[in-house]
Structure formats: structure tokens, C-alpha cells
Amino acid sequence: MAKTLFEKIIDKEIPATLVHEDEYCVAFRDINPGAPVHILLVPRKPIPRLCDAGADDQAVLGHLMLTASKIAAAEGHGEAYRLVVNNGAEAGQSVFHLHLHILAGRPLHWPPG
């Protein structure tokens, strides 16, 4: 099976502006940002969609949430940021490798799009 765009970024086959990297995940700036701060947080394990995660992924999912908070704080937005997970094409997912969007730096109104 062909690697996803995010697997290629994780493997450093495609350049990206990394803001975080550890044994479980990689975070990098979105090339088409929807906010002044728009970072994608991607698990190293290729989970296609959130609904494809299993019980054995619980630890990495929790790690992603805690890491997102740390990244938002490091970017100066620890008190005001939004996390978005698009699950499936009809929800706007275009790369089928689970990822969290960390958005901050402008007012984020509700309801979203």
C-alpha cells in the first residue's frame, strides 16, 4: 500500500516545518492555514480515521490530546485554541491518516463551517 502524504512527512521524504516530534507523533505547520496558528498533529502509527482506532490506540490518542495542549501553549495560545478531527471525506478529511488540527490566533466562532 502506498504511503500517505503524512507518512512521507514523518519519514522525512517530504519537507515540512516541524514544531514537535517524539516517539508517538509529529507536528508540523499546515501549508494552507485556516488560522494564524494551524498545526497538524499526526500519530506515527498510520490510523486512517478516528473511527478506525481501536482499544490498542487509546494511549496514543491520549498522548495526541496532551501534546496538542503543550504545542498550543508553546505557540502562545495555551488558553484559547481549537482542536479539529475530520473523520471521513464527507467531514472534510482529505488525507486518510488520522490528524488533529490545532487552530489558534484569531477568534474561532461557533458553530464551525
C-alpha atoms as a PDB file:
ATOM      1  CA  MET A   1       0.000   0.000   0.000  1.00  0.00           C
ATOM      2  CA  ALA A   2       1.310   3.456  -0.890  1.00  0.00           C
ATOM      3  CA  LYS A   3       2.413   5.796   1.879  1.00  0.00           C
ATOM      4  CA  THR A   4       0.163   8.696   2.746  1.00  0.00           C
ATOM      5  CA  LEU A   5       1.419  12.261   2.473  1.00  0.00           C
ATOM      6  CA  PHE A   6       1.762  12.324   6.266  1.00  0.00           C
ATOM      7  CA  GLU A   7       3.784   9.096   6.349  1.00  0.00           C
ATOM      8  CA  LYS A   8       6.156  10.685   3.842  1.00  0.00           C
ATOM      9  CA  ILE A   9       6.474  13.757   6.092  1.00  0.00           C
ATOM     10  CA  ILE A  10       7.046  11.535   9.147  1.00  0.00           C
ATOM     11  CA  ASP A  11       9.737   9.639   7.218  1.00  0.00           C
ATOM     12  CA  LYS A  12      11.264  12.982   6.107  1.00  0.00           C
ATOM     13  CA  GLU A  13      10.742  12.153   2.440  1.00  0.00           C
ATOM     14  CA  ILE A  14       8.772  15.400   2.061  1.00  0.00           C
ATOM     15  CA  PRO A  15       9.879  18.588   3.839  1.00  0.00           C
ATOM     16  CA  ALA A  16       7.682  20.207   6.475  1.00  0.00           C
ATOM     17  CA  THR A  17       8.110  22.831   9.146  1.00  0.00           C
ATOM     18  CA  LEU A  18       8.199  20.616  12.241  1.00  0.00           C
ATOM     19  CA  VAL A  19       7.182  22.084  15.586  1.00  0.00           C
ATOM     20  CA  HIS A  20       7.188  18.858  17.618  1.00  0.00           C
ATOM     21  CA  GLU A  21       8.448  15.312  17.261  1.00  0.00           C
ATOM     22  CA  ASP A  22       8.500  12.422  19.706  1.00  0.00           C
ATOM     23  CA  GLU A  23       8.255   8.640  19.613  1.00  0.00           C
ATOM     24  CA  TYR A  24       4.454   8.704  19.143  1.00  0.00           C
ATOM     25  CA  CYS A  25       3.728  11.702  16.933  1.00  0.00           C
ATOM     26  CA  VAL A  26       4.921  14.520  14.702  1.00  0.00           C
ATOM     27  CA  ALA A  27       3.513  18.045  14.439  1.00  0.00           C
ATOM     28  CA  PHE A  28       4.082  20.469  11.594  1.00  0.00           C
ATOM     29  CA  ARG A  29       2.654  23.709  10.223  1.00  0.00           C
ATOM     30  CA  ASP A  30      -0.200  23.372   7.739  1.00  0.00           C
ATOM     31  CA  ILE A  31       0.793  24.627   4.275  1.00  0.00           C
ATOM     32  CA  ASN A  32      -2.735  26.035   3.759  1.00  0.00           C
ATOM     33  CA  PRO A  33      -3.504  27.519   7.187  1.00  0.00           C
ATOM     34  CA  GLY A  34      -7.037  28.301   8.293  1.00  0.00           C
ATOM     35  CA  ALA A  35      -5.807  30.439  11.208  1.00  0.00           C
ATOM     36  CA  PRO A  36      -2.595  32.274  12.133  1.00  0.00           C
ATOM     37  CA  VAL A  37      -1.595  29.135  14.048  1.00  0.00           C
ATOM     38  CA  HIS A  38      -2.562  25.972  12.159  1.00  0.00           C
ATOM     39  CA  ILE A  39      -0.554  22.919  13.106  1.00  0.00           C
ATOM     40  CA  LEU A  40      -1.241  19.316  12.145  1.00  0.00           C
ATOM     41  CA  LEU A  41      -0.528  16.715  14.822  1.00  0.00           C
ATOM     42  CA  VAL A  42      -0.107  13.242  13.353  1.00  0.00           C
ATOM     43  CA  PRO A  43       0.476   9.910  15.081  1.00  0.00           C
ATOM     44  CA  ARG A  44       3.405   7.930  13.728  1.00  0.00           C
ATOM     45  CA  LYS A  45       1.117   4.897  13.562  1.00  0.00           C
ATOM     46  CA  PRO A  46      -0.952   5.183  10.368  1.00  0.00           C
ATOM     47  CA  ILE A  47      -4.545   5.107  11.612  1.00  0.00           C
ATOM     48  CA  PRO A  48      -6.706   6.096   8.594  1.00  0.00           C
ATOM     49  CA  ARG A  49      -9.619   7.719  10.509  1.00  0.00           C
ATOM     50  CA  LEU A  50     -10.548   8.209  14.144  1.00  0.00           C
ATOM     51  CA  CYS A  51     -13.313   5.630  13.734  1.00  0.00           C
ATOM     52  CA  ASP A  52     -10.634   3.106  12.705  1.00  0.00           C
ATOM     53  CA  ALA A  53      -8.794   3.446  16.027  1.00  0.00           C
ATOM     54  CA  GLY A  54      -9.065   0.506  18.382  1.00  0.00           C
ATOM     55  CA  ALA A  55      -8.612  -0.116  22.069  1.00  0.00           C
ATOM     56  CA  ASP A  56      -4.881  -0.612  21.483  1.00  0.00           C
ATOM     57  CA  ASP A  57      -4.710   3.014  20.221  1.00  0.00           C
ATOM     58  CA  GLN A  58      -6.064   4.526  23.436  1.00  0.00           C
ATOM     59  CA  ALA A  59      -2.641   5.547  24.747  1.00  0.00           C
ATOM     60  CA  VAL A  60      -1.577   7.268  21.523  1.00  0.00           C
ATOM     61  CA  LEU A  61      -4.928   9.075  21.269  1.00  0.00           C
ATOM     62  CA  GLY A  62      -4.493  10.409  24.799  1.00  0.00           C
ATOM     63  CA  HIS A  63      -0.919  11.360  24.001  1.00  0.00           C
ATOM     64  CA  LEU A  64      -2.132  13.362  20.994  1.00  0.00           C
ATOM     65  CA  MET A  65      -4.567  15.352  23.146  1.00  0.00           C
ATOM     66  CA  LEU A  66      -1.957  16.171  25.790  1.00  0.00           C
ATOM     67  CA  THR A  67       0.642  17.004  23.141  1.00  0.00           C
ATOM     68  CA  ALA A  68      -1.802  19.317  21.354  1.00  0.00           C
ATOM     69  CA  SER A  69      -2.214  21.282  24.566  1.00  0.00           C
ATOM     70  CA  LYS A  70       1.556  21.567  25.009  1.00  0.00           C
ATOM     71  CA  ILE A  71       2.003  22.726  21.414  1.00  0.00           C
ATOM     72  CA  ALA A  72      -0.745  25.355  21.750  1.00  0.00           C
ATOM     73  CA  ALA A  73       0.929  26.660  24.909  1.00  0.00           C
ATOM     74  CA  ALA A  74       4.341  26.741  23.218  1.00  0.00           C
ATOM     75  CA  GLU A  75       2.779  28.773  20.393  1.00  0.00           C
ATOM     76  CA  GLY A  76       1.443  31.285  22.946  1.00  0.00           C
ATOM     77  CA  HIS A  77      -2.184  30.133  22.834  1.00  0.00           C
ATOM     78  CA  GLY A  78      -2.457  27.718  25.749  1.00  0.00           C
ATOM     79  CA  GLU A  79      -5.734  29.247  26.935  1.00  0.00           C
ATOM     80  CA  ALA A  80      -7.524  29.628  23.577  1.00  0.00           C
ATOM     81  CA  TYR A  81      -7.222  27.100  20.765  1.00  0.00           C
ATOM     82  CA  ARG A  82      -9.393  24.653  18.888  1.00  0.00           C
ATOM     83  CA  LEU A  83      -8.732  21.006  18.047  1.00  0.00           C
ATOM     84  CA  VAL A  84     -10.414  19.572  14.965  1.00  0.00           C
ATOM     85  CA  VAL A  85     -10.541  15.979  13.750  1.00  0.00           C
ATOM     86  CA  ASN A  86     -12.225  15.372  10.409  1.00  0.00           C
ATOM     87  CA  ASN A  87     -13.422  11.775  10.179  1.00  0.00           C
ATOM     88  CA  GLY A  88     -14.086  10.726   6.588  1.00  0.00           C
ATOM     89  CA  ALA A  89     -14.340  12.519   3.261  1.00  0.00           C
ATOM     90  CA  GLU A  90     -17.817  13.888   3.953  1.00  0.00           C
ATOM     91  CA  ALA A  91     -16.438  15.553   7.099  1.00  0.00           C
ATOM     92  CA  GLY A  92     -13.614  17.192   5.146  1.00  0.00           C
ATOM     93  CA  GLN A  93     -10.837  14.645   5.656  1.00  0.00           C
ATOM     94  CA  SER A  94      -8.538  14.712   2.629  1.00  0.00           C
ATOM     95  CA  VAL A  95      -5.538  12.749   3.940  1.00  0.00           C
ATOM     96  CA  PHE A  96      -6.529   9.362   5.346  1.00  0.00           C
ATOM     97  CA  HIS A  97      -4.046   9.314   8.199  1.00  0.00           C
ATOM     98  CA  LEU A  98      -5.590  10.465  11.464  1.00  0.00           C
ATOM     99  CA  HIS A  99      -4.544  14.011  12.370  1.00  0.00           C
ATOM    100  CA  LEU A 100      -5.548  16.780  14.712  1.00  0.00           C
ATOM    101  CA  HIS A 101      -5.724  20.369  13.517  1.00  0.00           C
ATOM    102  CA  ILE A 102      -4.536  22.800  16.204  1.00  0.00           C
ATOM    103  CA  LEU A 103      -6.033  26.206  15.380  1.00  0.00           C
ATOM    104  CA  ALA A 104      -5.413  29.481  17.210  1.00  0.00           C
ATOM    105  CA  GLY A 105      -4.513  33.130  16.816  1.00  0.00           C
ATOM    106  CA  ARG A 106      -7.899  34.508  15.719  1.00  0.00           C
ATOM    107  CA  PRO A 107     -11.469  34.374  17.051  1.00  0.00           C
ATOM    108  CA  LEU A 108     -12.910  30.926  16.396  1.00  0.00           C
ATOM    109  CA  HIS A 109     -16.669  31.240  16.202  1.00  0.00           C
ATOM    110  CA  TRP A 110     -19.313  28.587  16.816  1.00  0.00           C
ATOM    111  CA  PRO A 111     -20.740  26.721  15.067  1.00  0.00           C
ATOM    112  CA  PRO A 112     -17.790  25.966  12.789  1.00  0.00           C
ATOM    113  CA  GLY A 113     -18.192  25.637   8.992  1.00  0.00           C
END
